[in-house]
N, C-alpha and C. Protein backbone atom coordinates (compact mmCIF):
# COMPACT_ATOMS: atom_id res chain seq x y z
N UNK A 1 -2.07 -11.35 -0.49
CA UNK A 1 -3.18 -11.22 -1.40
C UNK A 1 -3.45 -12.59 -2.02
N UNK A 2 -4.68 -13.03 -1.94
CA UNK A 2 -5.03 -14.32 -2.48
C UNK A 2 -5.73 -14.12 -3.82
N UNK A 3 -5.16 -14.70 -4.85
CA UNK A 3 -5.74 -14.59 -6.18
C UNK A 3 -6.79 -15.68 -6.37
N UNK A 4 -7.81 -15.41 -7.16
CA UNK A 4 -8.81 -16.43 -7.41
C UNK A 4 -8.19 -17.59 -8.17
N UNK A 5 -8.70 -18.78 -7.90
CA UNK A 5 -8.20 -19.94 -8.62
C UNK A 5 -8.61 -19.84 -10.08
N UNK A 6 -7.88 -20.52 -10.96
CA UNK A 6 -8.23 -20.44 -12.39
C UNK A 6 -9.64 -20.91 -12.68
N UNK A 7 -10.18 -21.75 -11.80
CA UNK A 7 -11.53 -22.26 -12.02
C UNK A 7 -12.60 -21.39 -11.38
N UNK A 8 -12.21 -20.33 -10.68
CA UNK A 8 -13.19 -19.46 -10.02
C UNK A 8 -14.06 -18.78 -11.08
N UNK A 9 -15.34 -18.73 -10.79
CA UNK A 9 -16.28 -18.09 -11.71
C UNK A 9 -16.06 -16.58 -11.67
N UNK A 10 -16.02 -15.97 -12.81
CA UNK A 10 -15.87 -14.52 -12.89
C UNK A 10 -17.09 -13.92 -13.54
N UNK A 11 -17.43 -12.74 -13.06
CA UNK A 11 -18.55 -12.01 -13.62
C UNK A 11 -18.03 -10.73 -14.20
N UNK A 12 -18.64 -10.25 -15.22
CA UNK A 12 -18.18 -9.05 -15.89
C UNK A 12 -18.88 -7.79 -15.41
N UNK A 13 -18.16 -6.68 -15.55
CA UNK A 13 -18.73 -5.35 -15.30
C UNK A 13 -18.30 -4.45 -16.45
N UNK A 14 -18.92 -3.32 -16.55
CA UNK A 14 -18.54 -2.33 -17.54
C UNK A 14 -18.14 -1.07 -16.81
N UNK A 15 -16.98 -0.54 -17.16
CA UNK A 15 -16.54 0.74 -16.58
C UNK A 15 -16.21 1.70 -17.71
N UNK A 16 -16.39 2.94 -17.43
CA UNK A 16 -16.05 3.98 -18.40
C UNK A 16 -14.80 4.69 -17.90
N UNK A 17 -13.81 4.78 -18.75
CA UNK A 17 -12.54 5.42 -18.41
C UNK A 17 -12.26 6.56 -19.36
N UNK A 18 -11.55 7.58 -18.87
CA UNK A 18 -11.13 8.64 -19.78
C UNK A 18 -10.18 8.05 -20.83
N UNK A 19 -10.21 8.60 -22.01
CA UNK A 19 -9.40 8.08 -23.12
C UNK A 19 -7.91 7.95 -22.78
N UNK A 20 -7.30 8.95 -22.12
CA UNK A 20 -5.86 8.79 -21.79
C UNK A 20 -5.59 7.61 -20.86
N UNK A 21 -6.48 7.35 -19.92
CA UNK A 21 -6.31 6.22 -19.01
C UNK A 21 -6.42 4.90 -19.77
N UNK A 22 -7.42 4.81 -20.62
CA UNK A 22 -7.60 3.60 -21.42
C UNK A 22 -6.41 3.37 -22.35
N UNK A 23 -5.90 4.44 -22.92
CA UNK A 23 -4.73 4.31 -23.80
C UNK A 23 -3.52 3.79 -23.03
N UNK A 24 -3.30 4.32 -21.82
CA UNK A 24 -2.18 3.83 -21.00
C UNK A 24 -2.35 2.35 -20.67
N UNK A 25 -3.58 1.94 -20.32
CA UNK A 25 -3.83 0.54 -20.02
C UNK A 25 -3.59 -0.34 -21.25
N UNK A 26 -4.07 0.09 -22.38
CA UNK A 26 -3.88 -0.69 -23.61
C UNK A 26 -2.40 -0.78 -23.98
N UNK A 27 -1.68 0.33 -23.84
CA UNK A 27 -0.24 0.32 -24.14
C UNK A 27 0.51 -0.64 -23.21
N UNK A 28 0.17 -0.60 -21.91
CA UNK A 28 0.82 -1.49 -20.95
C UNK A 28 0.45 -2.95 -21.24
N UNK A 29 -0.81 -3.19 -21.58
CA UNK A 29 -1.23 -4.55 -21.89
C UNK A 29 -0.47 -5.09 -23.09
N UNK A 30 -0.33 -4.27 -24.11
CA UNK A 30 0.40 -4.67 -25.31
C UNK A 30 1.87 -4.94 -24.99
N UNK A 31 2.47 -4.07 -24.17
CA UNK A 31 3.89 -4.20 -23.84
C UNK A 31 4.18 -5.42 -22.96
N UNK A 32 3.22 -5.79 -22.12
CA UNK A 32 3.45 -6.90 -21.19
C UNK A 32 2.82 -8.20 -21.65
N UNK A 33 2.06 -8.16 -22.73
CA UNK A 33 1.41 -9.38 -23.22
C UNK A 33 0.25 -9.83 -22.35
N UNK A 34 -0.33 -8.91 -21.63
CA UNK A 34 -1.46 -9.23 -20.76
C UNK A 34 -2.70 -8.52 -21.28
N UNK A 35 -3.85 -8.87 -20.73
CA UNK A 35 -5.08 -8.22 -21.15
C UNK A 35 -5.34 -6.98 -20.28
N UNK A 36 -6.13 -6.07 -20.81
CA UNK A 36 -6.52 -4.89 -20.04
C UNK A 36 -7.30 -5.33 -18.80
N UNK A 37 -8.16 -6.33 -18.96
CA UNK A 37 -8.94 -6.82 -17.82
C UNK A 37 -8.03 -7.36 -16.72
N UNK A 38 -6.96 -8.05 -17.10
CA UNK A 38 -6.02 -8.57 -16.12
C UNK A 38 -5.33 -7.44 -15.37
N UNK A 39 -4.94 -6.39 -16.07
CA UNK A 39 -4.31 -5.24 -15.43
C UNK A 39 -5.27 -4.54 -14.46
N UNK A 40 -6.52 -4.40 -14.87
CA UNK A 40 -7.52 -3.76 -14.00
C UNK A 40 -7.76 -4.61 -12.76
N UNK A 41 -7.89 -5.94 -12.93
CA UNK A 41 -8.07 -6.84 -11.78
C UNK A 41 -6.88 -6.72 -10.82
N UNK A 42 -5.68 -6.70 -11.37
CA UNK A 42 -4.48 -6.58 -10.54
C UNK A 42 -4.49 -5.31 -9.71
N UNK A 43 -4.86 -4.20 -10.33
CA UNK A 43 -4.89 -2.92 -9.61
C UNK A 43 -6.00 -2.87 -8.57
N UNK A 44 -7.14 -3.47 -8.87
CA UNK A 44 -8.22 -3.51 -7.89
C UNK A 44 -7.83 -4.37 -6.69
N UNK A 45 -7.18 -5.49 -6.95
CA UNK A 45 -6.73 -6.35 -5.85
C UNK A 45 -5.69 -5.64 -5.00
N UNK A 46 -4.77 -4.91 -5.64
CA UNK A 46 -3.74 -4.18 -4.90
C UNK A 46 -4.36 -3.07 -4.05
N UNK A 47 -5.39 -2.43 -4.57
CA UNK A 47 -6.04 -1.35 -3.82
C UNK A 47 -6.83 -1.90 -2.64
N UNK A 48 -7.29 -3.15 -2.73
CA UNK A 48 -8.07 -3.75 -1.66
C UNK A 48 -7.21 -4.32 -0.55
N UNK A 49 -5.92 -4.54 -0.84
CA UNK A 49 -5.05 -5.11 0.20
C UNK A 49 -4.74 -4.05 1.24
N UNK A 50 -4.53 -4.46 2.49
CA UNK A 50 -4.29 -3.48 3.56
C UNK A 50 -3.02 -2.67 3.30
N UNK A 51 -3.16 -1.39 3.46
CA UNK A 51 -2.02 -0.49 3.26
C UNK A 51 -1.26 -0.34 4.57
N UNK A 52 0.01 -0.06 4.45
CA UNK A 52 0.85 0.17 5.62
C UNK A 52 0.75 1.67 5.93
N UNK A 53 0.16 1.98 7.10
CA UNK A 53 -0.09 3.38 7.43
C UNK A 53 0.88 3.97 8.44
N UNK A 54 1.66 3.14 9.11
CA UNK A 54 2.49 3.68 10.16
C UNK A 54 3.82 2.95 10.27
N UNK A 55 4.72 3.55 11.01
CA UNK A 55 6.00 2.91 11.27
C UNK A 55 5.77 1.65 12.08
N UNK A 56 4.83 1.69 13.01
CA UNK A 56 4.53 0.51 13.81
C UNK A 56 4.07 -0.65 12.92
N UNK A 57 3.29 -0.36 11.90
CA UNK A 57 2.83 -1.41 11.01
C UNK A 57 3.99 -2.00 10.21
N UNK A 58 5.00 -1.19 9.94
CA UNK A 58 6.17 -1.68 9.20
C UNK A 58 7.09 -2.52 10.08
N UNK A 59 7.13 -2.22 11.38
CA UNK A 59 8.10 -2.86 12.28
C UNK A 59 7.44 -3.39 13.55
N UNK A 60 6.42 -4.21 13.46
CA UNK A 60 5.76 -4.67 14.69
C UNK A 60 6.67 -5.53 15.56
N UNK A 61 7.65 -6.19 14.96
CA UNK A 61 8.55 -7.03 15.74
C UNK A 61 9.51 -6.22 16.60
N UNK A 62 9.67 -4.93 16.29
CA UNK A 62 10.57 -4.08 17.06
C UNK A 62 9.86 -3.30 18.15
N UNK A 63 8.55 -3.21 18.09
CA UNK A 63 7.81 -2.42 19.06
C UNK A 63 8.03 -2.94 20.47
N UNK A 64 8.46 -2.06 21.36
CA UNK A 64 8.67 -2.41 22.74
C UNK A 64 10.00 -3.09 23.02
N UNK A 65 10.86 -3.18 22.01
CA UNK A 65 12.12 -3.88 22.20
C UNK A 65 13.26 -2.97 22.66
N UNK A 66 13.02 -1.68 22.71
CA UNK A 66 14.07 -0.74 23.11
C UNK A 66 13.93 -0.42 24.59
N UNK A 67 15.06 -0.40 25.28
CA UNK A 67 15.04 -0.06 26.70
C UNK A 67 15.15 1.45 26.86
N UNK A 68 14.64 1.95 27.95
CA UNK A 68 14.77 3.37 28.21
C UNK A 68 13.56 3.90 28.95
N UNK A 69 13.64 5.17 29.27
CA UNK A 69 12.58 5.83 30.01
C UNK A 69 11.38 6.06 29.11
N UNK A 70 10.21 6.08 29.71
CA UNK A 70 9.00 6.39 28.95
C UNK A 70 8.80 7.90 28.83
N UNK A 71 9.60 8.66 29.57
CA UNK A 71 9.48 10.12 29.51
C UNK A 71 10.04 10.62 28.19
N UNK A 72 9.58 11.77 27.80
CA UNK A 72 10.10 12.35 26.57
C UNK A 72 11.58 12.68 26.76
N UNK A 73 12.27 12.77 25.67
CA UNK A 73 13.71 13.00 25.72
C UNK A 73 14.00 14.40 26.24
N UNK A 74 14.59 14.45 27.41
CA UNK A 74 14.99 15.72 27.98
C UNK A 74 16.36 15.55 28.62
N UNK A 75 17.07 16.61 28.71
CA UNK A 75 18.37 16.58 29.37
C UNK A 75 18.19 17.31 30.70
N UNK A 76 18.11 16.54 31.78
CA UNK A 76 17.85 17.12 33.09
C UNK A 76 19.02 18.00 33.57
N UNK A 77 20.22 17.77 33.07
CA UNK A 77 21.38 18.53 33.53
C UNK A 77 21.42 19.94 32.95
N UNK A 78 20.86 20.11 31.81
CA UNK A 78 20.93 21.43 31.16
C UNK A 78 19.53 22.01 31.06
N UNK A 79 19.28 22.96 31.90
CA UNK A 79 18.00 23.65 31.85
C UNK A 79 18.26 25.11 31.61
N UNK A 80 17.45 25.74 30.83
CA UNK A 80 17.60 27.16 30.61
C UNK A 80 17.00 27.90 31.81
N UNK A 81 17.77 28.77 32.39
CA UNK A 81 17.32 29.53 33.56
C UNK A 81 16.95 30.93 33.10
N UNK A 82 15.91 31.46 33.68
CA UNK A 82 15.54 32.83 33.38
C UNK A 82 16.56 33.76 33.98
N UNK A 83 16.97 34.75 33.23
CA UNK A 83 17.98 35.68 33.73
C UNK A 83 17.37 36.85 34.44
């Protein structure tokens, strides 16, 4: 995630939040010494970053590194026979 440089121009918007949400943001801002706007920007940036949706996305370096058959796991020696 690339954060804007300190000199980047910022434009303002107005959003309406439910009172409990705004209270939680204000409480967190007070506890962390940050502004509500900074917390909102952080959450928007986090939501815009690509999410990891699959095991393959978590482990791309391992994909294709295991040896073995491409067939599904079956035990050819043990088959159920109809009686």
